[in-house]
Amino acid sequence: MFINEQIRAKEVMVIGPNGEQLGVKPLRDALTLAEYSGFDLVLINPNAKPQVCKIMDYNKYRYEMKKKQKENMKKQREKNLETKEYQLSVTIDVHDFDTRVRHAKAYLEKGHKIKSSIRFKGRELAHPELGRDVLLRFAEALKEVSDMESAPKLDGRNMIMMLSPKKDK
């Protein structure tokens, strides 16, 4: 963005600090007006005939643009929520199970999705229903804060289930 002496045009359409149009003026007159009002002359639209310039406080404008950009990034981050994965096992102990439920509950309350999985080892693959029971028990423990997005399904040696935060109605 070009400001003050960086602008290379003979005539420019000048917009005042309050948004009023001051008309087409020679560049020297526009720079004098901007200097007289204590602001900068900023090139807004270089493609127009004549080019459009606005009298404004350029540093304040840059600050507000950065602030707006940060706000947009923050909103974008909120939209792109994480998927947290919790690995369980067929022979998981009660305390380990409760700890994973507690941590998953905190993540679901923040709005993140949960992917819970079980990897079958050795002969455990002969009894996939045991893994399904563990995953369903996990979903049951989290049912007040989550909805089951996908039921437990076997994929090779893994059984996977997705939970998403409950939608408030």
N, C-alpha and C. Protein backbone atom coordinates (compact mmCIF):
# COMPACT_ATOMS: atom_id res chain seq x y z
N MET A 1 0.85 -1.17 0.00
CA MET A 1 0.00 0.00 0.00
C MET A 1 0.90 1.25 0.00
N PHE A 2 0.63 2.14 -0.90
CA PHE A 2 1.46 3.35 -1.05
C PHE A 2 0.91 4.48 -0.19
N ILE A 3 1.81 5.21 0.46
CA ILE A 3 1.39 6.36 1.27
C ILE A 3 2.25 7.57 0.91
N ASN A 4 1.67 8.75 1.08
CA ASN A 4 2.32 10.04 0.88
C ASN A 4 3.17 10.12 -0.39
N GLU A 5 4.48 10.30 -0.27
CA GLU A 5 5.35 10.51 -1.43
C GLU A 5 5.56 9.27 -2.29
N GLN A 6 5.13 8.11 -1.81
CA GLN A 6 5.27 6.88 -2.59
C GLN A 6 4.26 6.83 -3.74
N ILE A 7 3.21 7.62 -3.66
CA ILE A 7 2.17 7.61 -4.69
C ILE A 7 2.72 8.26 -5.96
N ARG A 8 2.55 7.57 -7.09
CA ARG A 8 3.05 8.06 -8.38
C ARG A 8 1.87 8.29 -9.33
N ALA A 9 1.20 9.39 -9.17
CA ALA A 9 0.09 9.74 -10.07
C ALA A 9 0.04 11.26 -10.16
N LYS A 10 -0.45 11.76 -11.28
CA LYS A 10 -0.54 13.21 -11.44
C LYS A 10 -1.77 13.76 -10.75
N GLU A 11 -2.90 13.06 -10.93
CA GLU A 11 -4.15 13.48 -10.29
C GLU A 11 -4.76 12.30 -9.54
N VAL A 12 -5.37 12.60 -8.42
CA VAL A 12 -6.00 11.56 -7.61
C VAL A 12 -7.37 12.03 -7.13
N MET A 13 -8.29 11.04 -6.95
CA MET A 13 -9.59 11.32 -6.33
C MET A 13 -9.35 11.25 -4.83
N VAL A 14 -9.66 12.33 -4.13
CA VAL A 14 -9.35 12.42 -2.70
C VAL A 14 -10.62 12.20 -1.88
N ILE A 15 -10.50 11.33 -0.88
CA ILE A 15 -11.59 11.10 0.08
C ILE A 15 -11.07 11.60 1.42
N GLY A 16 -11.88 12.42 2.08
CA GLY A 16 -11.48 13.04 3.34
C GLY A 16 -11.44 12.06 4.50
N PRO A 17 -10.96 12.52 5.66
CA PRO A 17 -10.83 11.63 6.82
C PRO A 17 -12.18 11.12 7.35
N ASN A 18 -13.27 11.84 7.06
CA ASN A 18 -14.59 11.41 7.52
C ASN A 18 -15.38 10.70 6.44
N GLY A 19 -14.76 10.39 5.30
CA GLY A 19 -15.40 9.66 4.23
C GLY A 19 -16.03 10.54 3.17
N GLU A 20 -15.92 11.86 3.28
CA GLU A 20 -16.50 12.75 2.28
C GLU A 20 -15.58 12.87 1.08
N GLN A 21 -16.17 12.98 -0.11
CA GLN A 21 -15.37 13.10 -1.33
C GLN A 21 -14.95 14.56 -1.51
N LEU A 22 -13.65 14.76 -1.70
CA LEU A 22 -13.13 16.11 -1.90
C LEU A 22 -12.87 16.40 -3.37
N GLY A 23 -13.08 15.40 -4.24
CA GLY A 23 -12.95 15.59 -5.67
C GLY A 23 -11.59 15.21 -6.21
N VAL A 24 -11.40 15.40 -7.52
CA VAL A 24 -10.15 15.09 -8.20
C VAL A 24 -9.20 16.27 -8.01
N LYS A 25 -8.01 16.00 -7.50
CA LYS A 25 -7.04 17.05 -7.22
C LYS A 25 -5.66 16.62 -7.71
N PRO A 26 -4.79 17.56 -8.01
CA PRO A 26 -3.40 17.21 -8.31
C PRO A 26 -2.75 16.60 -7.06
N LEU A 27 -1.77 15.75 -7.28
CA LEU A 27 -1.13 15.04 -6.17
C LEU A 27 -0.56 16.00 -5.14
N ARG A 28 0.08 17.08 -5.57
CA ARG A 28 0.67 18.07 -4.65
C ARG A 28 -0.39 18.64 -3.71
N ASP A 29 -1.57 19.01 -4.28
CA ASP A 29 -2.65 19.57 -3.46
C ASP A 29 -3.17 18.53 -2.45
N ALA A 30 -3.30 17.28 -2.90
CA ALA A 30 -3.77 16.21 -2.02
C ALA A 30 -2.80 15.98 -0.87
N LEU A 31 -1.50 15.99 -1.17
CA LEU A 31 -0.48 15.82 -0.11
C LEU A 31 -0.53 16.98 0.87
N THR A 32 -0.75 18.20 0.35
CA THR A 32 -0.84 19.38 1.21
C THR A 32 -2.06 19.28 2.13
N LEU A 33 -3.19 18.85 1.57
CA LEU A 33 -4.40 18.67 2.37
C LEU A 33 -4.17 17.66 3.50
N ALA A 34 -3.54 16.54 3.16
CA ALA A 34 -3.28 15.49 4.15
C ALA A 34 -2.35 16.00 5.24
N GLU A 35 -1.31 16.69 4.85
CA GLU A 35 -0.35 17.23 5.81
C GLU A 35 -1.01 18.28 6.70
N TYR A 36 -1.86 19.09 6.11
CA TYR A 36 -2.55 20.17 6.82
C TYR A 36 -3.50 19.60 7.88
N SER A 37 -4.13 18.44 7.55
CA SER A 37 -5.06 17.83 8.51
C SER A 37 -4.34 16.92 9.51
N GLY A 38 -3.03 16.70 9.33
CA GLY A 38 -2.26 15.90 10.29
C GLY A 38 -2.34 14.41 10.05
N PHE A 39 -2.77 14.01 8.86
CA PHE A 39 -2.88 12.59 8.53
C PHE A 39 -2.00 12.24 7.34
N ASP A 40 -2.12 10.98 6.87
CA ASP A 40 -1.38 10.51 5.71
C ASP A 40 -2.32 10.38 4.51
N LEU A 41 -1.76 10.49 3.33
CA LEU A 41 -2.51 10.24 2.10
C LEU A 41 -2.20 8.80 1.70
N VAL A 42 -3.25 7.95 1.68
CA VAL A 42 -3.07 6.53 1.42
C VAL A 42 -3.78 6.15 0.13
N LEU A 43 -3.06 5.46 -0.75
CA LEU A 43 -3.63 5.00 -2.01
C LEU A 43 -4.53 3.79 -1.74
N ILE A 44 -5.84 3.96 -2.00
CA ILE A 44 -6.81 2.90 -1.72
C ILE A 44 -7.05 2.03 -2.95
N ASN A 45 -7.29 2.66 -4.10
CA ASN A 45 -7.60 1.93 -5.33
C ASN A 45 -6.69 2.41 -6.46
N PRO A 46 -5.59 1.68 -6.73
CA PRO A 46 -4.66 2.12 -7.76
C PRO A 46 -5.16 1.84 -9.19
N ASN A 47 -6.19 1.00 -9.33
CA ASN A 47 -6.67 0.61 -10.66
C ASN A 47 -7.72 1.55 -11.22
N ALA A 48 -8.28 2.42 -10.39
CA ALA A 48 -9.33 3.32 -10.85
C ALA A 48 -8.72 4.47 -11.66
N LYS A 49 -9.55 5.10 -12.46
CA LYS A 49 -9.12 6.28 -13.23
C LYS A 49 -9.96 7.46 -12.77
N PRO A 50 -9.48 8.43 -12.10
CA PRO A 50 -8.15 8.56 -11.51
C PRO A 50 -8.03 7.69 -10.25
N GLN A 51 -6.79 7.47 -9.82
CA GLN A 51 -6.54 6.65 -8.64
C GLN A 51 -7.21 7.28 -7.41
N VAL A 52 -7.69 6.41 -6.50
CA VAL A 52 -8.42 6.88 -5.33
C VAL A 52 -7.50 6.85 -4.12
N CYS A 53 -7.42 8.01 -3.42
CA CYS A 53 -6.62 8.12 -2.20
C CYS A 53 -7.50 8.59 -1.07
N LYS A 54 -7.16 8.18 0.14
CA LYS A 54 -7.91 8.60 1.31
C LYS A 54 -6.97 9.24 2.32
N ILE A 55 -7.46 10.28 2.97
CA ILE A 55 -6.70 10.93 4.04
C ILE A 55 -7.07 10.21 5.33
N MET A 56 -6.07 9.57 5.94
CA MET A 56 -6.31 8.81 7.18
C MET A 56 -5.03 8.67 7.97
N ASP A 57 -5.17 8.21 9.22
CA ASP A 57 -4.01 7.90 10.06
C ASP A 57 -3.56 6.49 9.69
N TYR A 58 -2.48 6.38 8.95
CA TYR A 58 -2.05 5.09 8.40
C TYR A 58 -1.65 4.10 9.49
N ASN A 59 -0.97 4.56 10.54
CA ASN A 59 -0.54 3.65 11.62
C ASN A 59 -1.76 3.07 12.35
N LYS A 60 -2.78 3.89 12.57
CA LYS A 60 -4.00 3.41 13.22
C LYS A 60 -4.69 2.39 12.31
N TYR A 61 -4.71 2.66 11.02
CA TYR A 61 -5.32 1.77 10.04
C TYR A 61 -4.61 0.41 10.04
N ARG A 62 -3.27 0.44 10.04
CA ARG A 62 -2.49 -0.81 10.06
C ARG A 62 -2.75 -1.59 11.34
N TYR A 63 -2.82 -0.88 12.46
CA TYR A 63 -3.08 -1.52 13.76
C TYR A 63 -4.44 -2.22 13.75
N GLU A 64 -5.46 -1.52 13.24
CA GLU A 64 -6.80 -2.11 13.19
C GLU A 64 -6.86 -3.30 12.26
N MET A 65 -6.13 -3.25 11.14
CA MET A 65 -6.10 -4.37 10.21
C MET A 65 -5.44 -5.60 10.85
N LYS A 66 -4.34 -5.38 11.59
CA LYS A 66 -3.68 -6.50 12.27
C LYS A 66 -4.61 -7.10 13.33
N LYS A 67 -5.31 -6.23 14.03
CA LYS A 67 -6.23 -6.68 15.07
C LYS A 67 -7.36 -7.52 14.46
N LYS A 68 -7.89 -7.07 13.33
CA LYS A 68 -8.94 -7.78 12.63
C LYS A 68 -8.43 -9.13 12.13
N GLN A 69 -7.19 -9.14 11.64
CA GLN A 69 -6.59 -10.37 11.12
C GLN A 69 -6.41 -11.39 12.25
N LYS A 70 -5.97 -10.92 13.43
CA LYS A 70 -5.82 -11.81 14.58
C LYS A 70 -7.16 -12.40 14.99
N GLU A 71 -8.20 -11.56 14.98
CA GLU A 71 -9.54 -12.01 15.35
C GLU A 71 -10.03 -13.08 14.38
N ASN A 72 -9.78 -12.88 13.08
CA ASN A 72 -10.17 -13.87 12.08
C ASN A 72 -9.43 -15.18 12.27
N MET A 73 -8.13 -15.10 12.60
CA MET A 73 -7.35 -16.31 12.86
C MET A 73 -7.89 -17.06 14.07
N LYS A 74 -8.29 -16.31 15.10
CA LYS A 74 -8.83 -16.91 16.31
C LYS A 74 -10.13 -17.65 15.98
N LYS A 75 -11.00 -17.02 15.19
CA LYS A 75 -12.25 -17.66 14.79
C LYS A 75 -11.98 -18.91 13.96
N GLN A 76 -10.96 -18.83 13.09
CA GLN A 76 -10.61 -19.97 12.25
C GLN A 76 -10.11 -21.13 13.10
N ARG A 77 -9.32 -20.81 14.12
CA ARG A 77 -8.82 -21.85 15.02
C ARG A 77 -9.96 -22.53 15.76
N GLU A 78 -10.97 -21.72 16.15
CA GLU A 78 -12.11 -22.30 16.87
C GLU A 78 -12.89 -23.24 15.97
N LYS A 79 -12.93 -22.94 14.67
CA LYS A 79 -13.65 -23.81 13.74
C LYS A 79 -12.90 -25.12 13.53
N ASN A 80 -11.58 -25.06 13.46
CA ASN A 80 -10.77 -26.25 13.20
C ASN A 80 -10.41 -26.94 14.52
N LEU A 81 -11.38 -27.56 15.13
CA LEU A 81 -11.14 -28.22 16.40
C LEU A 81 -10.40 -29.54 16.17
N GLU A 82 -9.70 -29.93 17.18
CA GLU A 82 -8.87 -31.14 17.09
C GLU A 82 -9.70 -32.41 17.23
N THR A 83 -9.10 -33.51 16.81
CA THR A 83 -9.62 -34.84 17.12
C THR A 83 -8.58 -35.49 18.02
N LYS A 84 -8.97 -35.78 19.23
CA LYS A 84 -8.06 -36.39 20.20
C LYS A 84 -8.28 -37.89 20.19
N GLU A 85 -7.19 -38.63 20.13
CA GLU A 85 -7.31 -40.09 20.07
C GLU A 85 -6.98 -40.71 21.43
N TYR A 86 -7.83 -41.64 21.85
CA TYR A 86 -7.60 -42.39 23.08
C TYR A 86 -7.52 -43.86 22.72
N GLN A 87 -6.41 -44.50 23.09
CA GLN A 87 -6.23 -45.91 22.80
C GLN A 87 -6.55 -46.71 24.06
N LEU A 88 -7.45 -47.62 23.89
CA LEU A 88 -7.85 -48.50 24.98
C LEU A 88 -7.35 -49.90 24.63
N SER A 89 -7.48 -50.81 25.57
CA SER A 89 -7.14 -52.20 25.27
C SER A 89 -8.23 -53.09 25.82
N VAL A 90 -8.25 -54.33 25.35
CA VAL A 90 -9.27 -55.27 25.79
C VAL A 90 -9.13 -55.54 27.28
N THR A 91 -7.90 -55.52 27.79
CA THR A 91 -7.64 -55.85 29.19
C THR A 91 -7.36 -54.58 30.02
N ILE A 92 -8.03 -53.48 29.71
CA ILE A 92 -7.77 -52.23 30.42
C ILE A 92 -8.26 -52.32 31.86
N ASP A 93 -7.50 -51.76 32.77
CA ASP A 93 -7.84 -51.78 34.18
C ASP A 93 -8.87 -50.68 34.48
N VAL A 94 -9.58 -50.80 35.57
CA VAL A 94 -10.65 -49.86 35.94
C VAL A 94 -10.12 -48.44 36.10
N HIS A 95 -9.00 -48.29 36.80
CA HIS A 95 -8.45 -46.96 37.06
C HIS A 95 -8.00 -46.29 35.75
N ASP A 96 -7.32 -47.06 34.88
CA ASP A 96 -6.88 -46.53 33.59
C ASP A 96 -8.09 -46.09 32.75
N PHE A 97 -9.13 -46.91 32.78
CA PHE A 97 -10.35 -46.61 32.04
C PHE A 97 -10.97 -45.31 32.55
N ASP A 98 -11.10 -45.19 33.87
CA ASP A 98 -11.69 -43.97 34.47
C ASP A 98 -10.87 -42.73 34.16
N THR A 99 -9.55 -42.86 34.15
CA THR A 99 -8.68 -41.72 33.83
C THR A 99 -8.91 -41.27 32.39
N ARG A 100 -8.98 -42.21 31.47
CA ARG A 100 -9.21 -41.86 30.06
C ARG A 100 -10.59 -41.23 29.87
N VAL A 101 -11.59 -41.74 30.61
CA VAL A 101 -12.94 -41.16 30.53
C VAL A 101 -12.91 -39.72 31.03
N ARG A 102 -12.23 -39.47 32.11
CA ARG A 102 -12.16 -38.12 32.69
C ARG A 102 -11.48 -37.14 31.72
N HIS A 103 -10.38 -37.57 31.12
CA HIS A 103 -9.65 -36.71 30.17
C HIS A 103 -10.49 -36.47 28.90
N ALA A 104 -11.13 -37.53 28.43
CA ALA A 104 -11.96 -37.41 27.22
C ALA A 104 -13.14 -36.47 27.49
N LYS A 105 -13.70 -36.54 28.67
CA LYS A 105 -14.83 -35.67 29.04
C LYS A 105 -14.41 -34.21 28.98
N ALA A 106 -13.21 -33.90 29.47
CA ALA A 106 -12.71 -32.52 29.44
C ALA A 106 -12.55 -32.05 28.00
N TYR A 107 -12.04 -32.91 27.13
CA TYR A 107 -11.86 -32.53 25.73
C TYR A 107 -13.21 -32.33 25.04
N LEU A 108 -14.16 -33.20 25.32
CA LEU A 108 -15.48 -33.07 24.71
C LEU A 108 -16.16 -31.77 25.15
N GLU A 109 -15.96 -31.39 26.40
CA GLU A 109 -16.56 -30.15 26.89
C GLU A 109 -15.94 -28.92 26.23
N LYS A 110 -14.69 -29.04 25.77
CA LYS A 110 -14.05 -27.95 25.03
C LYS A 110 -14.54 -27.89 23.59
N GLY A 111 -15.22 -28.96 23.12
CA GLY A 111 -15.75 -28.97 21.76
C GLY A 111 -14.96 -29.83 20.80
N HIS A 112 -13.96 -30.57 21.28
CA HIS A 112 -13.16 -31.43 20.41
C HIS A 112 -13.85 -32.78 20.20
N LYS A 113 -13.47 -33.45 19.12
CA LYS A 113 -13.97 -34.79 18.86
C LYS A 113 -13.02 -35.81 19.49
N ILE A 114 -13.54 -36.98 19.76
CA ILE A 114 -12.74 -38.05 20.37
C ILE A 114 -12.77 -39.27 19.44
N LYS A 115 -11.58 -39.80 19.17
CA LYS A 115 -11.47 -41.05 18.42
C LYS A 115 -10.91 -42.07 19.40
N SER A 116 -11.70 -43.07 19.71
CA SER A 116 -11.23 -44.11 20.63
C SER A 116 -10.98 -45.38 19.83
N SER A 117 -9.86 -46.01 20.13
CA SER A 117 -9.50 -47.19 19.34
C SER A 117 -8.92 -48.28 20.24
N ILE A 118 -9.04 -49.49 19.76
CA ILE A 118 -8.45 -50.66 20.43
C ILE A 118 -7.63 -51.39 19.39
N ARG A 119 -6.39 -51.70 19.72
CA ARG A 119 -5.54 -52.50 18.84
C ARG A 119 -5.47 -53.90 19.43
N PHE A 120 -5.94 -54.86 18.66
CA PHE A 120 -5.94 -56.25 19.12
C PHE A 120 -4.56 -56.85 18.94
N LYS A 121 -4.09 -57.52 19.99
CA LYS A 121 -2.78 -58.16 19.94
C LYS A 121 -2.95 -59.68 20.04
N GLY A 122 -2.22 -60.39 19.21
CA GLY A 122 -2.21 -61.86 19.28
C GLY A 122 -3.57 -62.48 19.15
N ARG A 123 -3.95 -63.26 20.15
CA ARG A 123 -5.20 -64.01 20.08
C ARG A 123 -6.43 -63.18 20.45
N GLU A 124 -6.21 -61.93 20.86
CA GLU A 124 -7.35 -61.06 21.18
C GLU A 124 -8.24 -60.87 19.95
N LEU A 125 -7.66 -60.99 18.76
CA LEU A 125 -8.40 -60.79 17.52
C LEU A 125 -9.48 -61.86 17.33
N ALA A 126 -9.36 -63.00 18.05
CA ALA A 126 -10.36 -64.06 17.96
C ALA A 126 -11.65 -63.65 18.65
N HIS A 127 -11.59 -62.63 19.53
CA HIS A 127 -12.78 -62.19 20.27
C HIS A 127 -12.97 -60.68 20.16
N PRO A 128 -13.35 -60.20 18.97
CA PRO A 128 -13.53 -58.75 18.79
C PRO A 128 -14.69 -58.20 19.61
N GLU A 129 -15.61 -59.07 20.02
CA GLU A 129 -16.75 -58.59 20.83
C GLU A 129 -16.29 -58.03 22.18
N LEU A 130 -15.15 -58.51 22.70
CA LEU A 130 -14.63 -57.97 23.96
C LEU A 130 -14.18 -56.52 23.77
N GLY A 131 -13.53 -56.25 22.64
CA GLY A 131 -13.12 -54.87 22.33
C GLY A 131 -14.32 -53.97 22.11
N ARG A 132 -15.34 -54.50 21.42
CA ARG A 132 -16.56 -53.73 21.18
C ARG A 132 -17.22 -53.36 22.51
N ASP A 133 -17.23 -54.31 23.45
CA ASP A 133 -17.82 -54.04 24.77
C ASP A 133 -17.08 -52.91 25.49
N VAL A 134 -15.73 -52.90 25.40
CA VAL A 134 -14.94 -51.85 26.05
C VAL A 134 -15.26 -50.49 25.42
N LEU A 135 -15.34 -50.43 24.10
CA LEU A 135 -15.64 -49.16 23.42
C LEU A 135 -17.06 -48.68 23.74
N LEU A 136 -18.01 -49.60 23.78
CA LEU A 136 -19.39 -49.21 24.12
C LEU A 136 -19.48 -48.75 25.57
N ARG A 137 -18.70 -49.37 26.45
CA ARG A 137 -18.66 -48.92 27.85
C ARG A 137 -18.06 -47.51 27.95
N PHE A 138 -17.04 -47.25 27.11
CA PHE A 138 -16.42 -45.92 27.04
C PHE A 138 -17.45 -44.89 26.57
N ALA A 139 -18.21 -45.22 25.54
CA ALA A 139 -19.25 -44.32 25.02
C ALA A 139 -20.35 -44.11 26.06
N GLU A 140 -20.70 -45.16 26.77
CA GLU A 140 -21.74 -45.06 27.79
C GLU A 140 -21.30 -44.14 28.93
N ALA A 141 -20.03 -44.21 29.30
CA ALA A 141 -19.51 -43.36 30.37
C ALA A 141 -19.51 -41.88 29.96
N LEU A 142 -19.45 -41.61 28.66
CA LEU A 142 -19.39 -40.23 28.16
C LEU A 142 -20.71 -39.77 27.52
N LYS A 143 -21.80 -40.54 27.71
CA LYS A 143 -23.02 -40.24 26.97
C LYS A 143 -23.66 -38.90 27.33
N GLU A 144 -23.41 -38.35 28.53
CA GLU A 144 -24.03 -37.06 28.89
C GLU A 144 -23.36 -35.87 28.20
N VAL A 145 -22.12 -36.05 27.70
CA VAL A 145 -21.44 -34.94 27.01
C VAL A 145 -21.13 -35.24 25.54
N SER A 146 -21.48 -36.46 25.07
CA SER A 146 -21.12 -36.79 23.68
C SER A 146 -22.20 -37.60 22.98
N ASP A 147 -22.13 -37.55 21.65
CA ASP A 147 -22.96 -38.39 20.79
C ASP A 147 -22.02 -39.32 20.03
N MET A 148 -22.49 -40.53 19.74
CA MET A 148 -21.67 -41.47 18.99
C MET A 148 -21.78 -41.11 17.50
N GLU A 149 -20.66 -40.68 16.94
CA GLU A 149 -20.63 -40.30 15.53
C GLU A 149 -20.56 -41.53 14.65
N SER A 150 -19.72 -42.48 15.03
CA SER A 150 -19.66 -43.75 14.31
C SER A 150 -19.51 -44.88 15.32
N ALA A 151 -20.27 -45.93 15.10
CA ALA A 151 -20.26 -47.09 15.99
C ALA A 151 -18.92 -47.81 15.86
N PRO A 152 -18.56 -48.63 16.87
CA PRO A 152 -17.30 -49.37 16.78
C PRO A 152 -17.28 -50.28 15.57
N LYS A 153 -16.21 -50.16 14.76
CA LYS A 153 -16.08 -51.05 13.61
C LYS A 153 -14.65 -51.55 13.50
N LEU A 154 -14.53 -52.78 13.07
CA LEU A 154 -13.24 -53.44 12.98
C LEU A 154 -12.56 -53.06 11.67
N ASP A 155 -11.30 -52.66 11.77
CA ASP A 155 -10.52 -52.28 10.59
C ASP A 155 -9.15 -52.92 10.73
N GLY A 156 -9.01 -54.13 10.18
CA GLY A 156 -7.75 -54.87 10.34
C GLY A 156 -7.59 -55.32 11.78
N ARG A 157 -6.51 -54.88 12.44
CA ARG A 157 -6.29 -55.24 13.84
C ARG A 157 -6.85 -54.19 14.81
N ASN A 158 -7.43 -53.13 14.27
CA ASN A 158 -7.95 -52.04 15.10
C ASN A 158 -9.47 -51.99 15.06
N MET A 159 -10.04 -51.57 16.18
CA MET A 159 -11.46 -51.28 16.22
C MET A 159 -11.58 -49.81 16.61
N ILE A 160 -12.32 -49.04 15.81
CA ILE A 160 -12.35 -47.59 15.98
C ILE A 160 -13.78 -47.11 16.19
N MET A 161 -13.92 -46.10 17.06
CA MET A 161 -15.22 -45.46 17.31
C MET A 161 -14.99 -43.96 17.44
N MET A 162 -15.88 -43.15 16.86
CA MET A 162 -15.78 -41.70 16.93
C MET A 162 -16.89 -41.15 17.82
N LEU A 163 -16.53 -40.21 18.70
CA LEU A 163 -17.49 -39.50 19.55
C LEU A 163 -17.37 -38.02 19.26
N SER A 164 -18.50 -37.33 19.20
CA SER A 164 -18.48 -35.88 19.00
C SER A 164 -19.23 -35.22 20.15
N PRO A 165 -18.93 -33.95 20.43
CA PRO A 165 -19.61 -33.27 21.53
C PRO A 165 -21.11 -33.17 21.26
N LYS A 166 -21.89 -33.19 22.32
CA LYS A 166 -23.34 -33.08 22.16
C LYS A 166 -23.73 -31.72 21.65
N LYS A 167 -24.67 -31.68 20.74
CA LYS A 167 -25.18 -30.42 20.21
C LYS A 167 -26.25 -29.90 21.16
N ASP A 168 -26.12 -28.64 21.59
CA ASP A 168 -27.14 -28.05 22.46
C ASP A 168 -28.36 -27.69 21.64
N LYS A 169 -29.53 -28.07 22.10
CA LYS A 169 -30.75 -27.78 21.34
C LYS A 169 -31.59 -26.75 22.03
